[in-house]
Amino acid sequence: MPTAYLYLLLAIAAETVGTTALQASQQFTRLGPSVLVVLGYGLAFYLLSLSLREIPVGIAYAMWSGLGIVFIAAIGMIVFGQRLDLPAVIGILMILAGILVIQLFSKTNTH
């Protein structure tokens, strides 16, 4: 795996941690999760910037936001007991399909 994609995957993981902590922070009223939000997002943006050395910003952001949505939806279901209806599941599957199309067929994956 190219280093840029490793940075991007780590950025997505850090953003997912930050967003999960955002929910847990209860609107920044809990200190621990609030600190984790700031650290998670800070690390995520730093790692995203490193991935942009090789991955075009549009492609990187599509993957960042798409996979972030998928991971946060799964965490919301598992950790916070949130439910997804059929249209939400179909939409998330379409997001995953879009990421696959980019990775498998696009020639603009890297600079």
PDB file of N, CA and C in Angstrom:
ATOM      1  N   MET A   1       0.848  -1.172   0.000  1.00  0.00           N
ATOM      2  CA  MET A   1       0.000   0.000   0.000  1.00  0.00           C
ATOM      3  C   MET A   1       0.897   1.239   0.000  1.00  0.00           C
ATOM      4  N   PRO A   2       0.648   2.151  -0.936  1.00  0.00           N
ATOM      5  CA  PRO A   2       1.433   3.393  -0.945  1.00  0.00           C
ATOM      6  C   PRO A   2       1.251   4.170   0.365  1.00  0.00           C
ATOM      7  N   THR A   3       2.301   4.848   0.759  1.00  0.00           N
ATOM      8  CA  THR A   3       2.302   5.606   2.009  1.00  0.00           C
ATOM      9  C   THR A   3       1.152   6.605   2.073  1.00  0.00           C
ATOM     10  N   ALA A   4       0.844   7.265   0.957  1.00  0.00           N
ATOM     11  CA  ALA A   4      -0.230   8.258   0.952  1.00  0.00           C
ATOM     12  C   ALA A   4      -1.561   7.639   1.362  1.00  0.00           C
ATOM     13  N   TYR A   5      -1.810   6.418   0.924  1.00  0.00           N
ATOM     14  CA  TYR A   5      -3.062   5.761   1.298  1.00  0.00           C
ATOM     15  C   TYR A   5      -3.050   5.309   2.746  1.00  0.00           C
ATOM     16  N   LEU A   6      -1.893   4.952   3.264  1.00  0.00           N
ATOM     17  CA  LEU A   6      -1.784   4.634   4.678  1.00  0.00           C
ATOM     18  C   LEU A   6      -2.097   5.872   5.518  1.00  0.00           C
ATOM     19  N   TYR A   7      -1.516   7.033   5.116  1.00  0.00           N
ATOM     20  CA  TYR A   7      -1.822   8.288   5.812  1.00  0.00           C
ATOM     21  C   TYR A   7      -3.317   8.592   5.755  1.00  0.00           C
ATOM     22  N   LEU A   8      -3.919   8.368   4.595  1.00  0.00           N
ATOM     23  CA  LEU A   8      -5.345   8.653   4.442  1.00  0.00           C
ATOM     24  C   LEU A   8      -6.182   7.740   5.336  1.00  0.00           C
ATOM     25  N   LEU A   9      -5.856   6.458   5.380  1.00  0.00           N
ATOM     26  CA  LEU A   9      -6.605   5.540   6.241  1.00  0.00           C
ATOM     27  C   LEU A   9      -6.444   5.898   7.714  1.00  0.00           C
ATOM     28  N   LEU A  10      -5.247   6.293   8.108  1.00  0.00           N
ATOM     29  CA  LEU A  10      -5.034   6.724   9.490  1.00  0.00           C
ATOM     30  C   LEU A  10      -5.788   8.018   9.779  1.00  0.00           C
ATOM     31  N   ALA A  11      -5.850   8.916   8.795  1.00  0.00           N
ATOM     32  CA  ALA A  11      -6.613  10.159   8.956  1.00  0.00           C
ATOM     33  C   ALA A  11      -8.095   9.850   9.144  1.00  0.00           C
ATOM     34  N   ILE A  12      -8.604   8.919   8.371  1.00  0.00           N
ATOM     35  CA  ILE A  12     -10.012   8.532   8.488  1.00  0.00           C
ATOM     36  C   ILE A  12     -10.267   7.922   9.868  1.00  0.00           C
ATOM     37  N   ALA A  13      -9.340   7.095  10.337  1.00  0.00           N
ATOM     38  CA  ALA A  13      -9.484   6.496  11.670  1.00  0.00           C
ATOM     39  C   ALA A  13      -9.483   7.574  12.753  1.00  0.00           C
ATOM     40  N   ALA A  14      -8.572   8.541  12.646  1.00  0.00           N
ATOM     41  CA  ALA A  14      -8.497   9.611  13.638  1.00  0.00           C
ATOM     42  C   ALA A  14      -9.761  10.475  13.613  1.00  0.00           C
ATOM     43  N   GLU A  15     -10.265  10.733  12.429  1.00  0.00           N
ATOM     44  CA  GLU A  15     -11.492  11.528  12.298  1.00  0.00           C
ATOM     45  C   GLU A  15     -12.677  10.762  12.879  1.00  0.00           C
ATOM     46  N   THR A  16     -12.690   9.457  12.692  1.00  0.00           N
ATOM     47  CA  THR A  16     -13.754   8.624  13.231  1.00  0.00           C
ATOM     48  C   THR A  16     -13.719   8.630  14.762  1.00  0.00           C
ATOM     49  N   VAL A  17     -12.524   8.556  15.325  1.00  0.00           N
ATOM     50  CA  VAL A  17     -12.377   8.644  16.777  1.00  0.00           C
ATOM     51  C   VAL A  17     -12.866  10.013  17.265  1.00  0.00           C
ATOM     52  N   GLY A  18     -12.454  11.072  16.566  1.00  0.00           N
ATOM     53  CA  GLY A  18     -12.871  12.421  16.948  1.00  0.00           C
ATOM     54  C   GLY A  18     -14.372  12.606  16.888  1.00  0.00           C
ATOM     55  N   THR A  19     -14.992  12.075  15.857  1.00  0.00           N
ATOM     56  CA  THR A  19     -16.439  12.219  15.714  1.00  0.00           C
ATOM     57  C   THR A  19     -17.185  11.388  16.750  1.00  0.00           C
ATOM     58  N   THR A  20     -16.683  10.208  17.042  1.00  0.00           N
ATOM     59  CA  THR A  20     -17.286   9.390  18.090  1.00  0.00           C
ATOM     60  C   THR A  20     -17.175  10.096  19.438  1.00  0.00           C
ATOM     61  N   ALA A  21     -16.021  10.690  19.693  1.00  0.00           N
ATOM     62  CA  ALA A  21     -15.831  11.442  20.935  1.00  0.00           C
ATOM     63  C   ALA A  21     -16.737  12.667  20.970  1.00  0.00           C
ATOM     64  N   LEU A  22     -17.011  13.255  19.814  1.00  0.00           N
ATOM     65  CA  LEU A  22     -17.911  14.407  19.755  1.00  0.00           C
ATOM     66  C   LEU A  22     -19.291  14.028  20.288  1.00  0.00           C
ATOM     67  N   GLN A  23     -19.771  12.867  19.879  1.00  0.00           N
ATOM     68  CA  GLN A  23     -21.054  12.384  20.405  1.00  0.00           C
ATOM     69  C   GLN A  23     -20.953  12.145  21.907  1.00  0.00           C
ATOM     70  N   ALA A  24     -19.856  11.547  22.333  1.00  0.00           N
ATOM     71  CA  ALA A  24     -19.678  11.212  23.747  1.00  0.00           C
ATOM     72  C   ALA A  24     -19.430  12.442  24.624  1.00  0.00           C
ATOM     73  N   SER A  25     -18.982  13.536  24.003  1.00  0.00           N
ATOM     74  CA  SER A  25     -18.674  14.742  24.787  1.00  0.00           C
ATOM     75  C   SER A  25     -19.922  15.447  25.311  1.00  0.00           C
ATOM     76  N   GLN A  26     -21.082  15.064  24.791  1.00  0.00           N
ATOM     77  CA  GLN A  26     -22.359  15.675  25.173  1.00  0.00           C
ATOM     78  C   GLN A  26     -22.279  17.200  25.048  1.00  0.00           C
ATOM     79  N   GLN A  27     -22.029  17.651  23.819  1.00  0.00           N
ATOM     80  CA  GLN A  27     -21.929  19.076  23.481  1.00  0.00           C
ATOM     81  C   GLN A  27     -20.819  19.754  24.274  1.00  0.00           C
ATOM     82  N   PHE A  28     -19.670  19.081  24.362  1.00  0.00           N
ATOM     83  CA  PHE A  28     -18.461  19.591  25.022  1.00  0.00           C
ATOM     84  C   PHE A  28     -18.668  19.856  26.515  1.00  0.00           C
ATOM     85  N   THR A  29     -19.542  19.101  27.146  1.00  0.00           N
ATOM     86  CA  THR A  29     -19.733  19.244  28.592  1.00  0.00           C
ATOM     87  C   THR A  29     -18.925  18.210  29.379  1.00  0.00           C
ATOM     88  N   ARG A  30     -18.309  17.260  28.700  1.00  0.00           N
ATOM     89  CA  ARG A  30     -17.469  16.252  29.344  1.00  0.00           C
ATOM     90  C   ARG A  30     -16.036  16.458  28.861  1.00  0.00           C
ATOM     91  N   LEU A  31     -15.116  16.673  29.784  1.00  0.00           N
ATOM     92  CA  LEU A  31     -13.746  17.059  29.450  1.00  0.00           C
ATOM     93  C   LEU A  31     -12.994  16.002  28.644  1.00  0.00           C
ATOM     94  N   GLY A  32     -12.985  14.759  29.092  1.00  0.00           N
ATOM     95  CA  GLY A  32     -12.211  13.707  28.423  1.00  0.00           C
ATOM     96  C   GLY A  32     -12.567  13.555  26.949  1.00  0.00           C
ATOM     97  N   PRO A  33     -13.832  13.308  26.638  1.00  0.00           N
ATOM     98  CA  PRO A  33     -14.209  13.200  25.234  1.00  0.00           C
ATOM     99  C   PRO A  33     -13.976  14.500  24.448  1.00  0.00           C
ATOM    100  N   SER A  34     -14.127  15.642  25.097  1.00  0.00           N
ATOM    101  CA  SER A  34     -13.897  16.925  24.414  1.00  0.00           C
ATOM    102  C   SER A  34     -12.437  17.062  23.990  1.00  0.00           C
ATOM    103  N   VAL A  35     -11.527  16.660  24.871  1.00  0.00           N
ATOM    104  CA  VAL A  35     -10.097  16.689  24.527  1.00  0.00           C
ATOM    105  C   VAL A  35      -9.822  15.726  23.388  1.00  0.00           C
ATOM    106  N   LEU A  36     -10.449  14.551  23.422  1.00  0.00           N
ATOM    107  CA  LEU A  36     -10.267  13.564  22.364  1.00  0.00           C
ATOM    108  C   LEU A  36     -10.777  14.080  21.015  1.00  0.00           C
ATOM    109  N   VAL A  37     -11.837  14.869  21.029  1.00  0.00           N
ATOM    110  CA  VAL A  37     -12.340  15.481  19.792  1.00  0.00           C
ATOM    111  C   VAL A  37     -11.249  16.338  19.162  1.00  0.00           C
ATOM    112  N   VAL A  38     -10.668  17.227  19.943  1.00  0.00           N
ATOM    113  CA  VAL A  38      -9.646  18.145  19.429  1.00  0.00           C
ATOM    114  C   VAL A  38      -8.419  17.378  18.942  1.00  0.00           C
ATOM    115  N   LEU A  39      -7.963  16.418  19.724  1.00  0.00           N
ATOM    116  CA  LEU A  39      -6.795  15.631  19.329  1.00  0.00           C
ATOM    117  C   LEU A  39      -7.080  14.783  18.087  1.00  0.00           C
ATOM    118  N   GLY A  40      -8.252  14.162  18.053  1.00  0.00           N
ATOM    119  CA  GLY A  40      -8.621  13.331  16.908  1.00  0.00           C
ATOM    120  C   GLY A  40      -8.690  14.124  15.620  1.00  0.00           C
ATOM    121  N   TYR A  41      -9.365  15.269  15.669  1.00  0.00           N
ATOM    122  CA  TYR A  41      -9.477  16.083  14.460  1.00  0.00           C
ATOM    123  C   TYR A  41      -8.141  16.699  14.065  1.00  0.00           C
ATOM    124  N   GLY A  42      -7.357  17.123  15.055  1.00  0.00           N
ATOM    125  CA  GLY A  42      -6.037  17.674  14.746  1.00  0.00           C
ATOM    126  C   GLY A  42      -5.155  16.658  14.039  1.00  0.00           C
ATOM    127  N   LEU A  43      -5.089  15.452  14.573  1.00  0.00           N
ATOM    128  CA  LEU A  43      -4.302  14.390  13.945  1.00  0.00           C
ATOM    129  C   LEU A  43      -4.859  14.031  12.577  1.00  0.00           C
ATOM    130  N   ALA A  44      -6.180  13.985  12.472  1.00  0.00           N
ATOM    131  CA  ALA A  44      -6.816  13.636  11.204  1.00  0.00           C
ATOM    132  C   ALA A  44      -6.442  14.626  10.101  1.00  0.00           C
ATOM    133  N   PHE A  45      -6.517  15.904  10.397  1.00  0.00           N
ATOM    134  CA  PHE A  45      -6.189  16.902   9.376  1.00  0.00           C
ATOM    135  C   PHE A  45      -4.705  16.886   9.032  1.00  0.00           C
ATOM    136  N   TYR A  46      -3.849  16.638  10.010  1.00  0.00           N
ATOM    137  CA  TYR A  46      -2.415  16.537   9.728  1.00  0.00           C
ATOM    138  C   TYR A  46      -2.144  15.352   8.795  1.00  0.00           C
ATOM    139  N   LEU A  47      -2.700  14.190   9.124  1.00  0.00           N
ATOM    140  CA  LEU A  47      -2.491  13.011   8.287  1.00  0.00           C
ATOM    141  C   LEU A  47      -3.110  13.188   6.905  1.00  0.00           C
ATOM    142  N   LEU A  48      -4.269  13.833   6.839  1.00  0.00           N
ATOM    143  CA  LEU A  48      -4.876  14.113   5.538  1.00  0.00           C
ATOM    144  C   LEU A  48      -3.946  14.982   4.705  1.00  0.00           C
ATOM    145  N   SER A  49      -3.332  15.979   5.329  1.00  0.00           N
ATOM    146  CA  SER A  49      -2.420  16.851   4.584  1.00  0.00           C
ATOM    147  C   SER A  49      -1.235  16.067   4.027  1.00  0.00           C
ATOM    148  N   LEU A  50      -0.762  15.068   4.772  1.00  0.00           N
ATOM    149  CA  LEU A  50       0.339  14.249   4.273  1.00  0.00           C
ATOM    150  C   LEU A  50      -0.098  13.404   3.082  1.00  0.00           C
ATOM    151  N   SER A  51      -1.319  12.919   3.118  1.00  0.00           N
ATOM    152  CA  SER A  51      -1.803  12.100   2.001  1.00  0.00           C
ATOM    153  C   SER A  51      -1.959  12.918   0.721  1.00  0.00           C
ATOM    154  N   LEU A  52      -2.171  14.232   0.889  1.00  0.00           N
ATOM    155  CA  LEU A  52      -2.381  15.086  -0.288  1.00  0.00           C
ATOM    156  C   LEU A  52      -1.100  15.324  -1.086  1.00  0.00           C
ATOM    157  N   ARG A  53       0.028  14.851  -0.582  1.00  0.00           N
ATOM    158  CA  ARG A  53       1.260  14.918  -1.362  1.00  0.00           C
ATOM    159  C   ARG A  53       1.146  14.092  -2.636  1.00  0.00           C
ATOM    160  N   GLU A  54       0.358  13.014  -2.584  1.00  0.00           N
ATOM    161  CA  GLU A  54       0.256  12.113  -3.731  1.00  0.00           C
ATOM    162  C   GLU A  54      -1.162  11.915  -4.249  1.00  0.00           C
ATOM    163  N   ILE A  55      -2.150  12.113  -3.389  1.00  0.00           N
ATOM    164  CA  ILE A  55      -3.535  11.880  -3.788  1.00  0.00           C
ATOM    165  C   ILE A  55      -4.197  13.220  -4.053  1.00  0.00           C
ATOM    166  N   PRO A  56      -4.851  13.388  -5.217  1.00  0.00           N
ATOM    167  CA  PRO A  56      -5.556  14.649  -5.480  1.00  0.00           C
ATOM    168  C   PRO A  56      -6.605  14.923  -4.396  1.00  0.00           C
ATOM    169  N   VAL A  57      -6.776  16.179  -4.071  1.00  0.00           N
ATOM    170  CA  VAL A  57      -7.644  16.565  -2.954  1.00  0.00           C
ATOM    171  C   VAL A  57      -9.080  16.065  -3.132  1.00  0.00           C
ATOM    172  N   GLY A  58      -9.601  16.103  -4.333  1.00  0.00           N
ATOM    173  CA  GLY A  58     -10.974  15.639  -4.563  1.00  0.00           C
ATOM    174  C   GLY A  58     -11.136  14.153  -4.298  1.00  0.00           C
ATOM    175  N   ILE A  59     -10.162  13.376  -4.717  1.00  0.00           N
ATOM    176  CA  ILE A  59     -10.196  11.928  -4.495  1.00  0.00           C
ATOM    177  C   ILE A  59     -10.016  11.629  -3.004  1.00  0.00           C
ATOM    178  N   ALA A  60      -9.039  12.278  -2.386  1.00  0.00           N
ATOM    179  CA  ALA A  60      -8.784  12.054  -0.958  1.00  0.00           C
ATOM    180  C   ALA A  60     -10.009  12.433  -0.137  1.00  0.00           C
ATOM    181  N   TYR A  61     -10.630  13.556  -0.464  1.00  0.00           N
ATOM    182  CA  TYR A  61     -11.777  14.006   0.316  1.00  0.00           C
ATOM    183  C   TYR A  61     -12.981  13.100   0.096  1.00  0.00           C
ATOM    184  N   ALA A  62     -13.149  12.592  -1.113  1.00  0.00           N
ATOM    185  CA  ALA A  62     -14.250  11.660  -1.372  1.00  0.00           C
ATOM    186  C   ALA A  62     -14.088  10.403  -0.529  1.00  0.00           C
ATOM    187  N   MET A  63     -12.868   9.902  -0.459  1.00  0.00           N
ATOM    188  CA  MET A  63     -12.620   8.708   0.343  1.00  0.00           C
ATOM    189  C   MET A  63     -12.749   9.009   1.832  1.00  0.00           C
ATOM    190  N   TRP A  64     -12.188  10.150   2.251  1.00  0.00           N
ATOM    191  CA  TRP A  64     -12.241  10.573   3.663  1.00  0.00           C
ATOM    192  C   TRP A  64     -13.691  10.678   4.134  1.00  0.00           C
ATOM    193  N   SER A  65     -14.477  11.427   3.391  1.00  0.00           N
ATOM    194  CA  SER A  65     -15.851  11.654   3.829  1.00  0.00           C
ATOM    195  C   SER A  65     -16.696  10.392   3.671  1.00  0.00           C
ATOM    196  N   GLY A  66     -16.513   9.676   2.580  1.00  0.00           N
ATOM    197  CA  GLY A  66     -17.310   8.473   2.350  1.00  0.00           C
ATOM    198  C   GLY A  66     -17.056   7.394   3.382  1.00  0.00           C
ATOM    199  N   LEU A  67     -15.786   7.066   3.604  1.00  0.00           N
ATOM    200  CA  LEU A  67     -15.477   6.037   4.592  1.00  0.00           C
ATOM    201  C   LEU A  67     -15.795   6.517   6.008  1.00  0.00           C
ATOM    202  N   GLY A  68     -15.620   7.814   6.242  1.00  0.00           N
ATOM    203  CA  GLY A  68     -15.995   8.362   7.540  1.00  0.00           C
ATOM    204  C   GLY A  68     -17.477   8.166   7.823  1.00  0.00           C
ATOM    205  N   ILE A  69     -18.303   8.407   6.830  1.00  0.00           N
ATOM    206  CA  ILE A  69     -19.748   8.214   6.971  1.00  0.00           C
ATOM    207  C   ILE A  69     -20.064   6.759   7.296  1.00  0.00           C
ATOM    208  N   VAL A  70     -19.444   5.856   6.564  1.00  0.00           N
ATOM    209  CA  VAL A  70     -19.693   4.430   6.769  1.00  0.00           C
ATOM    210  C   VAL A  70     -19.282   4.008   8.180  1.00  0.00           C
ATOM    211  N   PHE A  71     -18.071   4.405   8.593  1.00  0.00           N
ATOM    212  CA  PHE A  71     -17.580   4.014   9.918  1.00  0.00           C
ATOM    213  C   PHE A  71     -18.418   4.623  11.040  1.00  0.00           C
ATOM    214  N   ILE A  72     -18.756   5.902  10.907  1.00  0.00           N
ATOM    215  CA  ILE A  72     -19.544   6.556  11.950  1.00  0.00           C
ATOM    216  C   ILE A  72     -20.954   5.972  12.021  1.00  0.00           C
ATOM    217  N   ALA A  73     -21.543   5.631  10.884  1.00  0.00           N
ATOM    218  CA  ALA A  73     -22.864   4.990  10.907  1.00  0.00           C
ATOM    219  C   ALA A  73     -22.791   3.654  11.640  1.00  0.00           C
ATOM    220  N   ALA A  74     -21.737   2.882  11.381  1.00  0.00           N
ATOM    221  CA  ALA A  74     -21.574   1.592  12.060  1.00  0.00           C
ATOM    222  C   ALA A  74     -21.350   1.785  13.557  1.00  0.00           C
ATOM    223  N   ILE A  75     -20.505   2.741  13.920  1.00  0.00           N
ATOM    224  CA  ILE A  75     -20.259   3.021  15.334  1.00  0.00           C
ATOM    225  C   ILE A  75     -21.531   3.517  16.009  1.00  0.00           C
ATOM    226  N   GLY A  76     -22.278   4.362  15.329  1.00  0.00           N
ATOM    227  CA  GLY A  76     -23.541   4.848  15.880  1.00  0.00           C
ATOM    228  C   GLY A  76     -24.497   3.704  16.194  1.00  0.00           C
ATOM    229  N   MET A  77     -24.534   2.726  15.303  1.00  0.00           N
ATOM    230  CA  MET A  77     -25.403   1.575  15.535  1.00  0.00           C
ATOM    231  C   MET A  77     -24.899   0.725  16.694  1.00  0.00           C
ATOM    232  N   ILE A  78     -23.592   0.429  16.692  1.00  0.00           N
ATOM    233  CA  ILE A  78     -23.029  -0.502  17.676  1.00  0.00           C
ATOM    234  C   ILE A  78     -22.887   0.139  19.057  1.00  0.00           C
ATOM    235  N   VAL A  79     -22.312   1.337  19.102  1.00  0.00           N
ATOM    236  CA  VAL A  79     -21.984   1.962  20.382  1.00  0.00           C
ATOM    237  C   VAL A  79     -23.151   2.747  20.962  1.00  0.00           C
ATOM    238  N   PHE A  80     -23.850   3.509  20.107  1.00  0.00           N
ATOM    239  CA  PHE A  80     -24.888   4.416  20.598  1.00  0.00           C
ATOM    240  C   PHE A  80     -26.313   3.910  20.366  1.00  0.00           C
ATOM    241  N   GLY A  81     -26.445   2.714  19.796  1.00  0.00           N
ATOM    242  CA  GLY A  81     -27.764   2.127  19.595  1.00  0.00           C
ATOM    243  C   GLY A  81     -28.630   2.849  18.581  1.00  0.00           C
ATOM    244  N   GLN A  82     -28.015   3.575  17.675  1.00  0.00           N
ATOM    245  CA  GLN A  82     -28.779   4.293  16.658  1.00  0.00           C
ATOM    246  C   GLN A  82     -29.200   3.307  15.559  1.00  0.00           C
ATOM    247  N   ARG A  83     -30.344   3.552  14.977  1.00  0.00           N
ATOM    248  CA  ARG A  83     -30.866   2.667  13.933  1.00  0.00           C
ATOM    249  C   ARG A  83     -30.842   3.362  12.581  1.00  0.00           C
ATOM    250  N   LEU A  84     -30.611   2.567  11.559  1.00  0.00           N
ATOM    251  CA  LEU A  84     -30.661   3.065  10.192  1.00  0.00           C
ATOM    252  C   LEU A  84     -31.838   2.418   9.484  1.00  0.00           C
ATOM    253  N   ASP A  85     -32.618   3.238   8.778  1.00  0.00           N
ATOM    254  CA  ASP A  85     -33.699   2.661   7.999  1.00  0.00           C
ATOM    255  C   ASP A  85     -33.153   2.224   6.640  1.00  0.00           C
ATOM    256  N   LEU A  86     -33.998   1.594   5.842  1.00  0.00           N
ATOM    257  CA  LEU A  86     -33.568   1.046   4.561  1.00  0.00           C
ATOM    258  C   LEU A  86     -32.985   2.106   3.626  1.00  0.00           C
ATOM    259  N   PRO A  87     -33.604   3.282   3.478  1.00  0.00           N
ATOM    260  CA  PRO A  87     -32.995   4.292   2.611  1.00  0.00           C
ATOM    261  C   PRO A  87     -31.596   4.708   3.072  1.00  0.00           C
ATOM    262  N   ALA A  88     -31.371   4.781   4.381  1.00  0.00           N
ATOM    263  CA  ALA A  88     -30.040   5.131   4.887  1.00  0.00           C
ATOM    264  C   ALA A  88     -29.033   4.046   4.534  1.00  0.00           C
ATOM    265  N   VAL A  89     -29.414   2.799   4.698  1.00  0.00           N
ATOM    266  CA  VAL A  89     -28.517   1.683   4.361  1.00  0.00           C
ATOM    267  C   VAL A  89     -28.203   1.690   2.869  1.00  0.00           C
ATOM    268  N   ILE A  90     -29.202   1.895   2.052  1.00  0.00           N
ATOM    269  CA  ILE A  90     -28.986   1.947   0.597  1.00  0.00           C
ATOM    270  C   ILE A  90     -28.052   3.104   0.241  1.00  0.00           C
ATOM    271  N   GLY A  91     -28.271   4.261   0.856  1.00  0.00           N
ATOM    272  CA  GLY A  91     -27.399   5.406   0.605  1.00  0.00           C
ATOM    273  C   GLY A  91     -25.961   5.132   0.988  1.00  0.00           C
ATOM    274  N   ILE A  92     -25.757   4.493   2.125  1.00  0.00           N
ATOM    275  CA  ILE A  92     -24.396   4.161   2.565  1.00  0.00           C
ATOM    276  C   ILE A  92     -23.758   3.155   1.609  1.00  0.00           C
ATOM    277  N   LEU A  93     -24.529   2.190   1.145  1.00  0.00           N
ATOM    278  CA  LEU A  93     -23.998   1.243   0.164  1.00  0.00           C
ATOM    279  C   LEU A  93     -23.617   1.952  -1.135  1.00  0.00           C
ATOM    280  N   MET A  94     -24.383   2.965  -1.514  1.00  0.00           N
ATOM    281  CA  MET A  94     -24.043   3.736  -2.719  1.00  0.00           C
ATOM    282  C   MET A  94     -22.753   4.522  -2.515  1.00  0.00           C
ATOM    283  N   ILE A  95     -22.534   5.036  -1.307  1.00  0.00           N
ATOM    284  CA  ILE A  95     -21.280   5.720  -1.004  1.00  0.00           C
ATOM    285  C   ILE A  95     -20.114   4.754  -1.155  1.00  0.00           C
ATOM    286  N   LEU A  96     -20.248   3.557  -0.592  1.00  0.00           N
ATOM    287  CA  LEU A  96     -19.199   2.549  -0.735  1.00  0.00           C
ATOM    288  C   LEU A  96     -18.966   2.196  -2.205  1.00  0.00           C
ATOM    289  N   ALA A  97     -20.042   2.085  -2.966  1.00  0.00           N
ATOM    290  CA  ALA A  97     -19.908   1.792  -4.394  1.00  0.00           C
ATOM    291  C   ALA A  97     -19.148   2.905  -5.103  1.00  0.00           C
ATOM    292  N   GLY A  98     -19.409   4.143  -4.742  1.00  0.00           N
ATOM    293  CA  GLY A  98     -18.691   5.267  -5.343  1.00  0.00           C
ATOM    294  C   GLY A  98     -17.202   5.220  -5.052  1.00  0.00           C
ATOM    295  N   ILE A  99     -16.852   4.862  -3.826  1.00  0.00           N
ATOM    296  CA  ILE A  99     -15.437   4.743  -3.468  1.00  0.00           C
ATOM    297  C   ILE A  99     -14.787   3.621  -4.274  1.00  0.00           C
ATOM    298  N   LEU A 100     -15.486   2.512  -4.423  1.00  0.00           N
ATOM    299  CA  LEU A 100     -14.950   1.406  -5.216  1.00  0.00           C
ATOM    300  C   LEU A 100     -14.760   1.800  -6.676  1.00  0.00           C
ATOM    301  N   VAL A 101     -15.711   2.517  -7.236  1.00  0.00           N
ATOM    302  CA  VAL A 101     -15.582   2.973  -8.629  1.00  0.00           C
ATOM    303  C   VAL A 101     -14.337   3.840  -8.790  1.00  0.00           C
ATOM    304  N   ILE A 102     -14.138   4.757  -7.858  1.00  0.00           N
ATOM    305  CA  ILE A 102     -12.948   5.618  -7.919  1.00  0.00           C
ATOM    306  C   ILE A 102     -11.685   4.778  -7.868  1.00  0.00           C
ATOM    307  N   GLN A 103     -11.614   3.855  -6.932  1.00  0.00           N
ATOM    308  CA  GLN A 103     -10.401   3.066  -6.748  1.00  0.00           C
ATOM    309  C   GLN A 103     -10.149   2.089  -7.886  1.00  0.00           C
ATOM    310  N   LEU A 104     -11.198   1.507  -8.411  1.00  0.00           N
ATOM    311  CA  LEU A 104     -11.008   0.471  -9.421  1.00  0.00           C
ATOM    312  C   LEU A 104     -10.918   1.004 -10.854  1.00  0.00           C
ATOM    313  N   PHE A 105     -11.566   2.128 -11.132  1.00  0.00           N
ATOM    314  CA  PHE A 105     -11.665   2.551 -12.526  1.00  0.00           C
ATOM    315  C   PHE A 105     -11.073   3.938 -12.819  1.00  0.00           C
ATOM    316  N   SER A 106     -10.900   4.777 -11.835  1.00  0.00           N
ATOM    317  CA  SER A 106     -10.418   6.122 -12.098  1.00  0.00           C
ATOM    318  C   SER A 106      -8.906   6.121 -12.300  1.00  0.00           C
ATOM    319  N   LYS A 107      -8.480   6.932 -13.249  1.00  0.00           N
ATOM    320  CA  LYS A 107      -7.049   7.103 -13.483  1.00  0.00           C
ATOM    321  C   LYS A 107      -6.517   8.334 -12.748  1.00  0.00           C
ATOM    322  N   THR A 108      -7.362   8.996 -11.959  1.00  0.00           N
ATOM    323  CA  THR A 108      -6.926  10.184 -11.219  1.00  0.00           C
ATOM    324  C   THR A 108      -6.676   9.859  -9.748  1.00  0.00           C
ATOM    325  N   ASN A 109      -6.447   8.592  -9.422  1.00  0.00           N
ATOM    326  CA  ASN A 109      -6.219   8.190  -8.036  1.00  0.00           C
ATOM    327  C   ASN A 109      -5.021   8.893  -7.418  1.00  0.00           C
ATOM    328  N   THR A 110      -3.935   9.022  -8.154  1.00  0.00           N
ATOM    329  CA  THR A 110      -2.734   9.641  -7.606  1.00  0.00           C
ATOM    330  C   THR A 110      -2.202  10.655  -8.604  1.00  0.00           C
ATOM    331  N   HIS A 111      -1.357  11.551  -8.103  1.00  0.00           N
ATOM    332  CA  HIS A 111      -0.744  12.569  -8.972  1.00  0.00           C
ATOM    333  C   HIS A 111       0.191  11.908  -9.948  1.00  0.00           C
TER     334      HIS A 111
END
